[in-house]
Amino acid sequence: MKADETQDGFRWLTVGPAESDLELVLMPVGPSPMMDAATAEKLAELLAAGALGTGVFETDNCQETFQELSDRGSSSPRSPPSGLTGSKRSSRTSPATGSA
């Protein structure tokens, strides 16, 4: 994990390889300081339709998804912070697994 940020009650994480400047954002899809309700709804529709499936997917529980991907051979410099469980509308990306 490279960053764990909160702004106006909205939390997001960034992840990426330690040896790179690449940072991928992990964030819930919903109204926030980053997008209004209409934009969040459109993005959620694209996710549900699989239109962004090459780099974004949803998880109900970040910890469980992290463990599942780890069990399949994925690697990450560290696990998600304890207490972070994700939300029904969260998106996660990673070069190797679609998640970190």
PDB file of N, CA and C in Angstrom:
ATOM      1  N   MET A   1       0.846  -1.165   0.000  1.00  0.00           N
ATOM      2  CA  MET A   1       0.000   0.000   0.000  1.00  0.00           C
ATOM      3  C   MET A   1       0.895   1.233   0.000  1.00  0.00           C
ATOM      4  N   LYS A   2       0.527   2.185  -0.825  1.00  0.00           N
ATOM      5  CA  LYS A   2       1.329   3.403  -0.902  1.00  0.00           C
ATOM      6  C   LYS A   2       0.676   4.567  -0.154  1.00  0.00           C
ATOM      7  N   ALA A   3      -0.650   4.601  -0.128  1.00  0.00           N
ATOM      8  CA  ALA A   3      -1.325   5.705   0.561  1.00  0.00           C
ATOM      9  C   ALA A   3      -2.647   5.227   1.134  1.00  0.00           C
ATOM     10  N   ASP A   4      -3.037   5.810   2.247  1.00  0.00           N
ATOM     11  CA  ASP A   4      -4.328   5.590   2.891  1.00  0.00           C
ATOM     12  C   ASP A   4      -4.833   6.983   3.219  1.00  0.00           C
ATOM     13  N   GLU A   5      -5.758   7.483   2.423  1.00  0.00           N
ATOM     14  CA  GLU A   5      -6.180   8.883   2.513  1.00  0.00           C
ATOM     15  C   GLU A   5      -7.664   9.000   2.841  1.00  0.00           C
ATOM     16  N   THR A   6      -8.018  10.094   3.485  1.00  0.00           N
ATOM     17  CA  THR A   6      -9.414  10.428   3.757  1.00  0.00           C
ATOM     18  C   THR A   6      -9.609  11.913   3.495  1.00  0.00           C
ATOM     19  N   GLN A   7     -10.692  12.232   2.803  1.00  0.00           N
ATOM     20  CA  GLN A   7     -11.033  13.635   2.546  1.00  0.00           C
ATOM     21  C   GLN A   7     -12.534  13.776   2.699  1.00  0.00           C
ATOM     22  N   ASP A   8     -12.960  14.671   3.562  1.00  0.00           N
ATOM     23  CA  ASP A   8     -14.386  14.919   3.789  1.00  0.00           C
ATOM     24  C   ASP A   8     -15.153  13.623   4.046  1.00  0.00           C
ATOM     25  N   GLY A   9     -14.569  12.703   4.822  1.00  0.00           N
ATOM     26  CA  GLY A   9     -15.219  11.454   5.150  1.00  0.00           C
ATOM     27  C   GLY A   9     -15.103  10.372   4.084  1.00  0.00           C
ATOM     28  N   PHE A  10     -14.461  10.670   2.965  1.00  0.00           N
ATOM     29  CA  PHE A  10     -14.278   9.708   1.880  1.00  0.00           C
ATOM     30  C   PHE A  10     -12.877   9.122   1.969  1.00  0.00           C
ATOM     31  N   ARG A  11     -12.790   7.798   2.041  1.00  0.00           N
ATOM     32  CA  ARG A  11     -11.497   7.127   2.184  1.00  0.00           C
ATOM     33  C   ARG A  11     -11.142   6.374   0.911  1.00  0.00           C
ATOM     34  N   TRP A  12      -9.856   6.443   0.542  1.00  0.00           N
ATOM     35  CA  TRP A  12      -9.356   5.644  -0.563  1.00  0.00           C
ATOM     36  C   TRP A  12      -7.929   5.230  -0.272  1.00  0.00           C
ATOM     37  N   LEU A  13      -7.516   4.144  -0.923  1.00  0.00           N
ATOM     38  CA  LEU A  13      -6.158   3.628  -0.791  1.00  0.00           C
ATOM     39  C   LEU A  13      -5.505   3.642  -2.160  1.00  0.00           C
ATOM     40  N   THR A  14      -4.190   3.719  -2.189  1.00  0.00           N
ATOM     41  CA  THR A  14      -3.471   3.487  -3.436  1.00  0.00           C
ATOM     42  C   THR A  14      -2.481   2.363  -3.186  1.00  0.00           C
ATOM     43  N   VAL A  15      -2.301   1.539  -4.210  1.00  0.00           N
ATOM     44  CA  VAL A  15      -1.383   0.404  -4.143  1.00  0.00           C
ATOM     45  C   VAL A  15      -0.557   0.374  -5.417  1.00  0.00           C
ATOM     46  N   GLY A  16       0.563  -0.294  -5.358  1.00  0.00           N
ATOM     47  CA  GLY A  16       1.404  -0.446  -6.533  1.00  0.00           C
ATOM     48  C   GLY A  16       2.731  -1.057  -6.152  1.00  0.00           C
ATOM     49  N   PRO A  17       3.496  -1.460  -7.153  1.00  0.00           N
ATOM     50  CA  PRO A  17       4.805  -2.057  -6.879  1.00  0.00           C
ATOM     51  C   PRO A  17       5.714  -1.072  -6.143  1.00  0.00           C
ATOM     52  N   ALA A  18       6.467  -1.576  -5.180  1.00  0.00           N
ATOM     53  CA  ALA A  18       7.356  -0.720  -4.383  1.00  0.00           C
ATOM     54  C   ALA A  18       8.402  -0.044  -5.252  1.00  0.00           C
ATOM     55  N   GLU A  19       8.872  -0.716  -6.291  1.00  0.00           N
ATOM     56  CA  GLU A  19       9.944  -0.179  -7.131  1.00  0.00           C
ATOM     57  C   GLU A  19       9.418   0.714  -8.261  1.00  0.00           C
ATOM     58  N   SER A  20       8.163   1.141  -8.179  1.00  0.00           N
ATOM     59  CA  SER A  20       7.569   1.917  -9.257  1.00  0.00           C
ATOM     60  C   SER A  20       6.810   3.124  -8.706  1.00  0.00           C
ATOM     61  N   ASP A  21       6.633   4.124  -9.563  1.00  0.00           N
ATOM     62  CA  ASP A  21       5.797   5.274  -9.215  1.00  0.00           C
ATOM     63  C   ASP A  21       4.323   4.985  -9.476  1.00  0.00           C
ATOM     64  N   LEU A  22       4.005   3.826 -10.058  1.00  0.00           N
ATOM     65  CA  LEU A  22       2.635   3.444 -10.371  1.00  0.00           C
ATOM     66  C   LEU A  22       1.812   3.338  -9.098  1.00  0.00           C
ATOM     67  N   GLU A  23       0.653   3.982  -9.086  1.00  0.00           N
ATOM     68  CA  GLU A  23      -0.285   3.869  -7.980  1.00  0.00           C
ATOM     69  C   GLU A  23      -1.669   3.609  -8.545  1.00  0.00           C
ATOM     70  N   LEU A  24      -2.324   2.560  -8.066  1.00  0.00           N
ATOM     71  CA  LEU A  24      -3.684   2.234  -8.446  1.00  0.00           C
ATOM     72  C   LEU A  24      -4.592   2.579  -7.277  1.00  0.00           C
ATOM     73  N   VAL A  25      -5.744   3.156  -7.576  1.00  0.00           N
ATOM     74  CA  VAL A  25      -6.656   3.630  -6.541  1.00  0.00           C
ATOM     75  C   VAL A  25      -7.695   2.563  -6.211  1.00  0.00           C
ATOM     76  N   LEU A  26      -7.890   2.321  -4.922  1.00  0.00           N
ATOM     77  CA  LEU A  26      -8.946   1.452  -4.407  1.00  0.00           C
ATOM     78  C   LEU A  26      -9.937   2.360  -3.706  1.00  0.00           C
ATOM     79  N   MET A  27     -11.168   2.380  -4.193  1.00  0.00           N
ATOM     80  CA  MET A  27     -12.156   3.293  -3.623  1.00  0.00           C
ATOM     81  C   MET A  27     -13.564   2.781  -3.863  1.00  0.00           C
ATOM     82  N   PRO A  28     -14.490   3.120  -2.981  1.00  0.00           N
ATOM     83  CA  PRO A  28     -15.879   2.752  -3.233  1.00  0.00           C
ATOM     84  C   PRO A  28     -16.443   3.611  -4.364  1.00  0.00           C
ATOM     85  N   VAL A  29     -17.363   3.033  -5.099  1.00  0.00           N
ATOM     86  CA  VAL A  29     -18.029   3.785  -6.156  1.00  0.00           C
ATOM     87  C   VAL A  29     -19.325   4.321  -5.562  1.00  0.00           C
ATOM     88  N   GLY A  30     -19.362   5.611  -5.338  1.00  0.00           N
ATOM     89  CA  GLY A  30     -20.533   6.267  -4.770  1.00  0.00           C
ATOM     90  C   GLY A  30     -20.279   7.755  -4.731  1.00  0.00           C
ATOM     91  N   PRO A  31     -21.324   8.519  -4.424  1.00  0.00           N
ATOM     92  CA  PRO A  31     -21.137   9.966  -4.326  1.00  0.00           C
ATOM     93  C   PRO A  31     -20.042  10.290  -3.316  1.00  0.00           C
ATOM     94  N   SER A  32     -19.182  11.206  -3.679  1.00  0.00           N
ATOM     95  CA  SER A  32     -18.038  11.544  -2.834  1.00  0.00           C
ATOM     96  C   SER A  32     -17.459  12.875  -3.300  1.00  0.00           C
ATOM     97  N   PRO A  33     -16.409  13.335  -2.638  1.00  0.00           N
ATOM     98  CA  PRO A  33     -15.741  14.542  -3.131  1.00  0.00           C
ATOM     99  C   PRO A  33     -15.132  14.331  -4.528  1.00  0.00           C
ATOM    100  N   MET A  34     -14.989  13.045  -4.940  1.00  0.00           N
ATOM    101  CA  MET A  34     -14.377  12.752  -6.236  1.00  0.00           C
ATOM    102  C   MET A  34     -15.398  12.643  -7.364  1.00  0.00           C
ATOM    103  N   MET A  35     -16.674  12.396  -7.044  1.00  0.00           N
ATOM    104  CA  MET A  35     -17.699  12.304  -8.089  1.00  0.00           C
ATOM    105  C   MET A  35     -19.079  12.539  -7.505  1.00  0.00           C
ATOM    106  N   ASP A  36     -19.935  13.154  -8.322  1.00  0.00           N
ATOM    107  CA  ASP A  36     -21.303  13.402  -7.876  1.00  0.00           C
ATOM    108  C   ASP A  36     -22.130  12.122  -8.027  1.00  0.00           C
ATOM    109  N   ALA A  37     -23.365  12.156  -7.543  1.00  0.00           N
ATOM    110  CA  ALA A  37     -24.224  10.971  -7.539  1.00  0.00           C
ATOM    111  C   ALA A  37     -24.485  10.448  -8.950  1.00  0.00           C
ATOM    112  N   ALA A  38     -24.705  11.336  -9.901  1.00  0.00           N
ATOM    113  CA  ALA A  38     -24.987  10.905 -11.277  1.00  0.00           C
ATOM    114  C   ALA A  38     -23.777  10.196 -11.883  1.00  0.00           C
ATOM    115  N   THR A  39     -22.587  10.723 -11.666  1.00  0.00           N
ATOM    116  CA  THR A  39     -21.366  10.097 -12.181  1.00  0.00           C
ATOM    117  C   THR A  39     -21.140   8.748 -11.514  1.00  0.00           C
ATOM    118  N   ALA A  40     -21.347   8.676 -10.189  1.00  0.00           N
ATOM    119  CA  ALA A  40     -21.184   7.411  -9.463  1.00  0.00           C
ATOM    120  C   ALA A  40     -22.154   6.362  -9.995  1.00  0.00           C
ATOM    121  N   GLU A  41     -23.383   6.756 -10.286  1.00  0.00           N
ATOM    122  CA  GLU A  41     -24.376   5.823 -10.820  1.00  0.00           C
ATOM    123  C   GLU A  41     -23.948   5.306 -12.200  1.00  0.00           C
ATOM    124  N   LYS A  42     -23.456   6.192 -13.050  1.00  0.00           N
ATOM    125  CA  LYS A  42     -22.995   5.775 -14.379  1.00  0.00           C
ATOM    126  C   LYS A  42     -21.812   4.817 -14.268  1.00  0.00           C
ATOM    127  N   LEU A  43     -20.869   5.118 -13.381  1.00  0.00           N
ATOM    128  CA  LEU A  43     -19.714   4.250 -13.193  1.00  0.00           C
ATOM    129  C   LEU A  43     -20.146   2.885 -12.661  1.00  0.00           C
ATOM    130  N   ALA A  44     -21.081   2.858 -11.713  1.00  0.00           N
ATOM    131  CA  ALA A  44     -21.592   1.596 -11.175  1.00  0.00           C
ATOM    132  C   ALA A  44     -22.260   0.780 -12.281  1.00  0.00           C
ATOM    133  N   GLU A  45     -22.974   1.437 -13.184  1.00  0.00           N
ATOM    134  CA  GLU A  45     -23.614   0.739 -14.306  1.00  0.00           C
ATOM    135  C   GLU A  45     -22.563   0.135 -15.236  1.00  0.00           C
ATOM    136  N   LEU A  46     -21.489   0.873 -15.512  1.00  0.00           N
ATOM    137  CA  LEU A  46     -20.410   0.344 -16.352  1.00  0.00           C
ATOM    138  C   LEU A  46     -19.751  -0.868 -15.699  1.00  0.00           C
ATOM    139  N   LEU A  47     -19.529  -0.787 -14.388  1.00  0.00           N
ATOM    140  CA  LEU A  47     -18.950  -1.922 -13.661  1.00  0.00           C
ATOM    141  C   LEU A  47     -19.871  -3.135 -13.732  1.00  0.00           C
ATOM    142  N   ALA A  48     -21.155  -2.920 -13.485  1.00  0.00           N
ATOM    143  CA  ALA A  48     -22.126  -4.017 -13.492  1.00  0.00           C
ATOM    144  C   ALA A  48     -22.222  -4.667 -14.871  1.00  0.00           C
ATOM    145  N   ALA A  49     -22.050  -3.871 -15.923  1.00  0.00           N
ATOM    146  CA  ALA A  49     -22.128  -4.387 -17.289  1.00  0.00           C
ATOM    147  C   ALA A  49     -20.830  -5.060 -17.727  1.00  0.00           C
ATOM    148  N   GLY A  50     -19.798  -4.957 -16.913  1.00  0.00           N
ATOM    149  CA  GLY A  50     -18.513  -5.544 -17.267  1.00  0.00           C
ATOM    150  C   GLY A  50     -17.722  -4.704 -18.248  1.00  0.00           C
ATOM    151  N   ALA A  51     -18.148  -3.479 -18.473  1.00  0.00           N
ATOM    152  CA  ALA A  51     -17.494  -2.602 -19.448  1.00  0.00           C
ATOM    153  C   ALA A  51     -16.108  -2.165 -18.993  1.00  0.00           C
ATOM    154  N   LEU A  52     -15.829  -2.212 -17.708  1.00  0.00           N
ATOM    155  CA  LEU A  52     -14.516  -1.828 -17.189  1.00  0.00           C
ATOM    156  C   LEU A  52     -13.801  -3.032 -16.608  1.00  0.00           C
ATOM    157  N   GLY A  53     -14.175  -4.209 -17.015  1.00  0.00           N
ATOM    158  CA  GLY A  53     -13.650  -5.432 -16.445  1.00  0.00           C
ATOM    159  C   GLY A  53     -12.167  -5.662 -16.653  1.00  0.00           C
ATOM    160  N   THR A  54     -11.527  -4.933 -17.541  1.00  0.00           N
ATOM    161  CA  THR A  54     -10.101  -5.165 -17.767  1.00  0.00           C
ATOM    162  C   THR A  54      -9.246  -4.610 -16.649  1.00  0.00           C
ATOM    163  N   GLY A  55      -9.772  -3.705 -15.846  1.00  0.00           N
ATOM    164  CA  GLY A  55      -8.948  -3.118 -14.805  1.00  0.00           C
ATOM    165  C   GLY A  55      -9.673  -2.812 -13.520  1.00  0.00           C
ATOM    166  N   VAL A  56     -10.956  -3.134 -13.450  1.00  0.00           N
ATOM    167  CA  VAL A  56     -11.753  -2.778 -12.279  1.00  0.00           C
ATOM    168  C   VAL A  56     -12.685  -3.939 -11.962  1.00  0.00           C
ATOM    169  N   PHE A  57     -12.842  -4.250 -10.704  1.00  0.00           N
ATOM    170  CA  PHE A  57     -13.874  -5.194 -10.303  1.00  0.00           C
ATOM    171  C   PHE A  57     -14.374  -4.845  -8.918  1.00  0.00           C
ATOM    172  N   GLU A  58     -15.475  -5.469  -8.545  1.00  0.00           N
ATOM    173  CA  GLU A  58     -16.107  -5.198  -7.262  1.00  0.00           C
ATOM    174  C   GLU A  58     -15.798  -6.298  -6.271  1.00  0.00           C
ATOM    175  N   THR A  59     -15.871  -5.945  -5.003  1.00  0.00           N
ATOM    176  CA  THR A  59     -15.760  -6.940  -3.945  1.00  0.00           C
ATOM    177  C   THR A  59     -16.638  -6.516  -2.775  1.00  0.00           C
ATOM    178  N   ASP A  60     -17.238  -7.501  -2.132  1.00  0.00           N
ATOM    179  CA  ASP A  60     -18.015  -7.217  -0.928  1.00  0.00           C
ATOM    180  C   ASP A  60     -17.119  -7.156   0.300  1.00  0.00           C
ATOM    181  N   ASN A  61     -15.934  -7.783   0.198  1.00  0.00           N
ATOM    182  CA  ASN A  61     -15.053  -7.841   1.363  1.00  0.00           C
ATOM    183  C   ASN A  61     -13.601  -7.874   0.898  1.00  0.00           C
ATOM    184  N   CYS A  62     -12.892  -6.782   1.074  1.00  0.00           N
ATOM    185  CA  CYS A  62     -11.497  -6.671   0.626  1.00  0.00           C
ATOM    186  C   CYS A  62     -10.608  -7.719   1.278  1.00  0.00           C
ATOM    187  N   GLN A  63     -10.801  -7.979   2.567  1.00  0.00           N
ATOM    188  CA  GLN A  63      -9.963  -8.954   3.275  1.00  0.00           C
ATOM    189  C   GLN A  63     -10.126 -10.349   2.681  1.00  0.00           C
ATOM    190  N   GLU A  64     -11.381 -10.772   2.460  1.00  0.00           N
ATOM    191  CA  GLU A  64     -11.630 -12.099   1.900  1.00  0.00           C
ATOM    192  C   GLU A  64     -11.079 -12.201   0.482  1.00  0.00           C
ATOM    193  N   THR A  65     -11.282 -11.168  -0.314  1.00  0.00           N
ATOM    194  CA  THR A  65     -10.783 -11.182  -1.690  1.00  0.00           C
ATOM    195  C   THR A  65      -9.262 -11.224  -1.694  1.00  0.00           C
ATOM    196  N   PHE A  66      -8.640 -10.459  -0.815  1.00  0.00           N
ATOM    197  CA  PHE A  66      -7.186 -10.483  -0.721  1.00  0.00           C
ATOM    198  C   PHE A  66      -6.709 -11.902  -0.398  1.00  0.00           C
ATOM    199  N   GLN A  67      -7.349 -12.563   0.574  1.00  0.00           N
ATOM    200  CA  GLN A  67      -6.953 -13.918   0.957  1.00  0.00           C
ATOM    201  C   GLN A  67      -7.171 -14.894  -0.189  1.00  0.00           C
ATOM    202  N   GLU A  68      -8.292 -14.789  -0.862  1.00  0.00           N
ATOM    203  CA  GLU A  68      -8.580 -15.674  -1.998  1.00  0.00           C
ATOM    204  C   GLU A  68      -7.518 -15.524  -3.085  1.00  0.00           C
ATOM    205  N   LEU A  69      -7.183 -14.288  -3.423  1.00  0.00           N
ATOM    206  CA  LEU A  69      -6.175 -14.054  -4.455  1.00  0.00           C
ATOM    207  C   LEU A  69      -4.795 -14.519  -3.994  1.00  0.00           C
ATOM    208  N   SER A  70      -4.491 -14.327  -2.722  1.00  0.00           N
ATOM    209  CA  SER A  70      -3.216 -14.817  -2.172  1.00  0.00           C
ATOM    210  C   SER A  70      -3.139 -16.338  -2.257  1.00  0.00           C
ATOM    211  N   ASP A  71      -4.255 -16.997  -1.938  1.00  0.00           N
ATOM    212  CA  ASP A  71      -4.301 -18.458  -2.003  1.00  0.00           C
ATOM    213  C   ASP A  71      -4.096 -18.959  -3.430  1.00  0.00           C
ATOM    214  N   ARG A  72      -4.424 -18.132  -4.404  1.00  0.00           N
ATOM    215  CA  ARG A  72      -4.254 -18.503  -5.818  1.00  0.00           C
ATOM    216  C   ARG A  72      -2.864 -18.149  -6.346  1.00  0.00           C
ATOM    217  N   GLY A  73      -2.011 -17.607  -5.489  1.00  0.00           N
ATOM    218  CA  GLY A  73      -0.643 -17.321  -5.903  1.00  0.00           C
ATOM    219  C   GLY A  73      -0.327 -15.853  -6.116  1.00  0.00           C
ATOM    220  N   SER A  74      -1.285 -14.974  -5.899  1.00  0.00           N
ATOM    221  CA  SER A  74      -1.034 -13.539  -6.012  1.00  0.00           C
ATOM    222  C   SER A  74      -0.112 -13.098  -4.882  1.00  0.00           C
ATOM    223  N   SER A  75       0.677 -12.077  -5.130  1.00  0.00           N
ATOM    224  CA  SER A  75       1.520 -11.565  -4.059  1.00  0.00           C
ATOM    225  C   SER A  75       1.340 -10.066  -3.920  1.00  0.00           C
ATOM    226  N   SER A  76       1.567  -9.601  -2.715  1.00  0.00           N
ATOM    227  CA  SER A  76       1.436  -8.185  -2.404  1.00  0.00           C
ATOM    228  C   SER A  76       2.423  -7.886  -1.287  1.00  0.00           C
ATOM    229  N   PRO A  77       3.012  -6.675  -1.281  1.00  0.00           N
ATOM    230  CA  PRO A  77       3.960  -6.364  -0.218  1.00  0.00           C
ATOM    231  C   PRO A  77       3.318  -6.362   1.165  1.00  0.00           C
ATOM    232  N   ARG A  78       2.021  -6.159   1.243  1.00  0.00           N
ATOM    233  CA  ARG A  78       1.318  -6.207   2.524  1.00  0.00           C
ATOM    234  C   ARG A  78      -0.169  -6.408   2.285  1.00  0.00           C
ATOM    235  N   SER A  79      -0.861  -6.850   3.312  1.00  0.00           N
ATOM    236  CA  SER A  79      -2.299  -7.084   3.208  1.00  0.00           C
ATOM    237  C   SER A  79      -3.057  -5.783   3.421  1.00  0.00           C
ATOM    238  N   PRO A  80      -4.357  -5.775   3.076  1.00  0.00           N
ATOM    239  CA  PRO A  80      -5.147  -4.563   3.340  1.00  0.00           C
ATOM    240  C   PRO A  80      -5.147  -4.256   4.833  1.00  0.00           C
ATOM    241  N   PRO A  81      -5.293  -2.988   5.204  1.00  0.00           N
ATOM    242  CA  PRO A  81      -5.315  -2.638   6.630  1.00  0.00           C
ATOM    243  C   PRO A  81      -6.436  -3.368   7.350  1.00  0.00           C
ATOM    244  N   SER A  82      -6.224  -3.760   8.597  1.00  0.00           N
ATOM    245  CA  SER A  82      -7.280  -4.426   9.350  1.00  0.00           C
ATOM    246  C   SER A  82      -8.455  -3.477   9.494  1.00  0.00           C
ATOM    247  N   GLY A  83      -9.622  -4.051   9.471  1.00  0.00           N
ATOM    248  CA  GLY A  83     -10.840  -3.257   9.568  1.00  0.00           C
ATOM    249  C   GLY A  83     -11.364  -2.798   8.229  1.00  0.00           C
ATOM    250  N   LEU A  84     -10.554  -2.899   7.172  1.00  0.00           N
ATOM    251  CA  LEU A  84     -11.015  -2.509   5.836  1.00  0.00           C
ATOM    252  C   LEU A  84     -11.694  -3.714   5.214  1.00  0.00           C
ATOM    253  N   THR A  85     -12.992  -3.625   5.010  1.00  0.00           N
ATOM    254  CA  THR A  85     -13.724  -4.758   4.457  1.00  0.00           C
ATOM    255  C   THR A  85     -14.303  -4.456   3.095  1.00  0.00           C
ATOM    256  N   GLY A  86     -14.208  -3.235   2.625  1.00  0.00           N
ATOM    257  CA  GLY A  86     -14.760  -2.896   1.310  1.00  0.00           C
ATOM    258  C   GLY A  86     -16.228  -2.565   1.422  1.00  0.00           C
ATOM    259  N   SER A  87     -16.856  -2.420   0.294  1.00  0.00           N
ATOM    260  CA  SER A  87     -18.277  -2.144   0.246  1.00  0.00           C
ATOM    261  C   SER A  87     -18.842  -2.825  -0.979  1.00  0.00           C
ATOM    262  N   LYS A  88     -20.137  -2.884  -1.053  1.00  0.00           N
ATOM    263  CA  LYS A  88     -20.760  -3.557  -2.183  1.00  0.00           C
ATOM    264  C   LYS A  88     -20.330  -2.923  -3.488  1.00  0.00           C
ATOM    265  N   ARG A  89     -20.024  -1.656  -3.492  1.00  0.00           N
ATOM    266  CA  ARG A  89     -19.628  -0.955  -4.698  1.00  0.00           C
ATOM    267  C   ARG A  89     -18.211  -0.432  -4.567  1.00  0.00           C
ATOM    268  N   SER A  90     -17.241  -1.311  -4.449  1.00  0.00           N
ATOM    269  CA  SER A  90     -15.856  -0.856  -4.420  1.00  0.00           C
ATOM    270  C   SER A  90     -15.144  -1.348  -5.657  1.00  0.00           C
ATOM    271  N   SER A  91     -14.134  -0.642  -6.060  1.00  0.00           N
ATOM    272  CA  SER A  91     -13.361  -1.077  -7.216  1.00  0.00           C
ATOM    273  C   SER A  91     -11.921  -1.249  -6.796  1.00  0.00           C
ATOM    274  N   ARG A  92     -11.265  -2.267  -7.346  1.00  0.00           N
ATOM    275  CA  ARG A  92      -9.888  -2.552  -6.978  1.00  0.00           C
ATOM    276  C   ARG A  92      -9.143  -2.974  -8.229  1.00  0.00           C
ATOM    277  N   THR A  93      -7.921  -2.561  -8.319  1.00  0.00           N
ATOM    278  CA  THR A  93      -7.131  -2.949  -9.475  1.00  0.00           C
ATOM    279  C   THR A  93      -5.715  -3.291  -9.074  1.00  0.00           C
ATOM    280  N   SER A  94      -5.062  -4.064  -9.896  1.00  0.00           N
ATOM    281  CA  SER A  94      -3.652  -4.391  -9.688  1.00  0.00           C
ATOM    282  C   SER A  94      -3.122  -5.026 -10.949  1.00  0.00           C
ATOM    283  N   PRO A  95      -1.878  -4.812 -11.279  1.00  0.00           N
ATOM    284  CA  PRO A  95      -1.343  -5.364 -12.500  1.00  0.00           C
ATOM    285  C   PRO A  95      -1.364  -6.883 -12.550  1.00  0.00           C
ATOM    286  N   ALA A  96      -1.100  -7.554 -11.445  1.00  0.00           N
ATOM    287  CA  ALA A  96      -0.960  -9.001 -11.488  1.00  0.00           C
ATOM    288  C   ALA A  96      -2.277  -9.740 -11.297  1.00  0.00           C
ATOM    289  N   THR A  97      -3.186  -9.193 -10.487  1.00  0.00           N
ATOM    290  CA  THR A  97      -4.340  -9.987 -10.078  1.00  0.00           C
ATOM    291  C   THR A  97      -5.658  -9.252 -10.188  1.00  0.00           C
ATOM    292  N   GLY A  98      -5.650  -7.974 -10.489  1.00  0.00           N
ATOM    293  CA  GLY A  98      -6.868  -7.195 -10.418  1.00  0.00           C
ATOM    294  C   GLY A  98      -7.104  -6.676  -9.022  1.00  0.00           C
ATOM    295  N   SER A  99      -6.202  -7.011  -8.093  1.00  0.00           N
ATOM    296  CA  SER A  99      -6.349  -6.569  -6.724  1.00  0.00           C
ATOM    297  C   SER A  99      -5.010  -6.597  -6.036  1.00  0.00           C
ATOM    298  N   ALA A 100      -4.927  -5.932  -4.928  1.00  0.00           N
ATOM    299  CA  ALA A 100      -3.685  -5.970  -4.143  1.00  0.00           C
ATOM    300  C   ALA A 100      -3.980  -6.474  -2.770  1.00  0.00           C
TER     301      ALA A 100
END
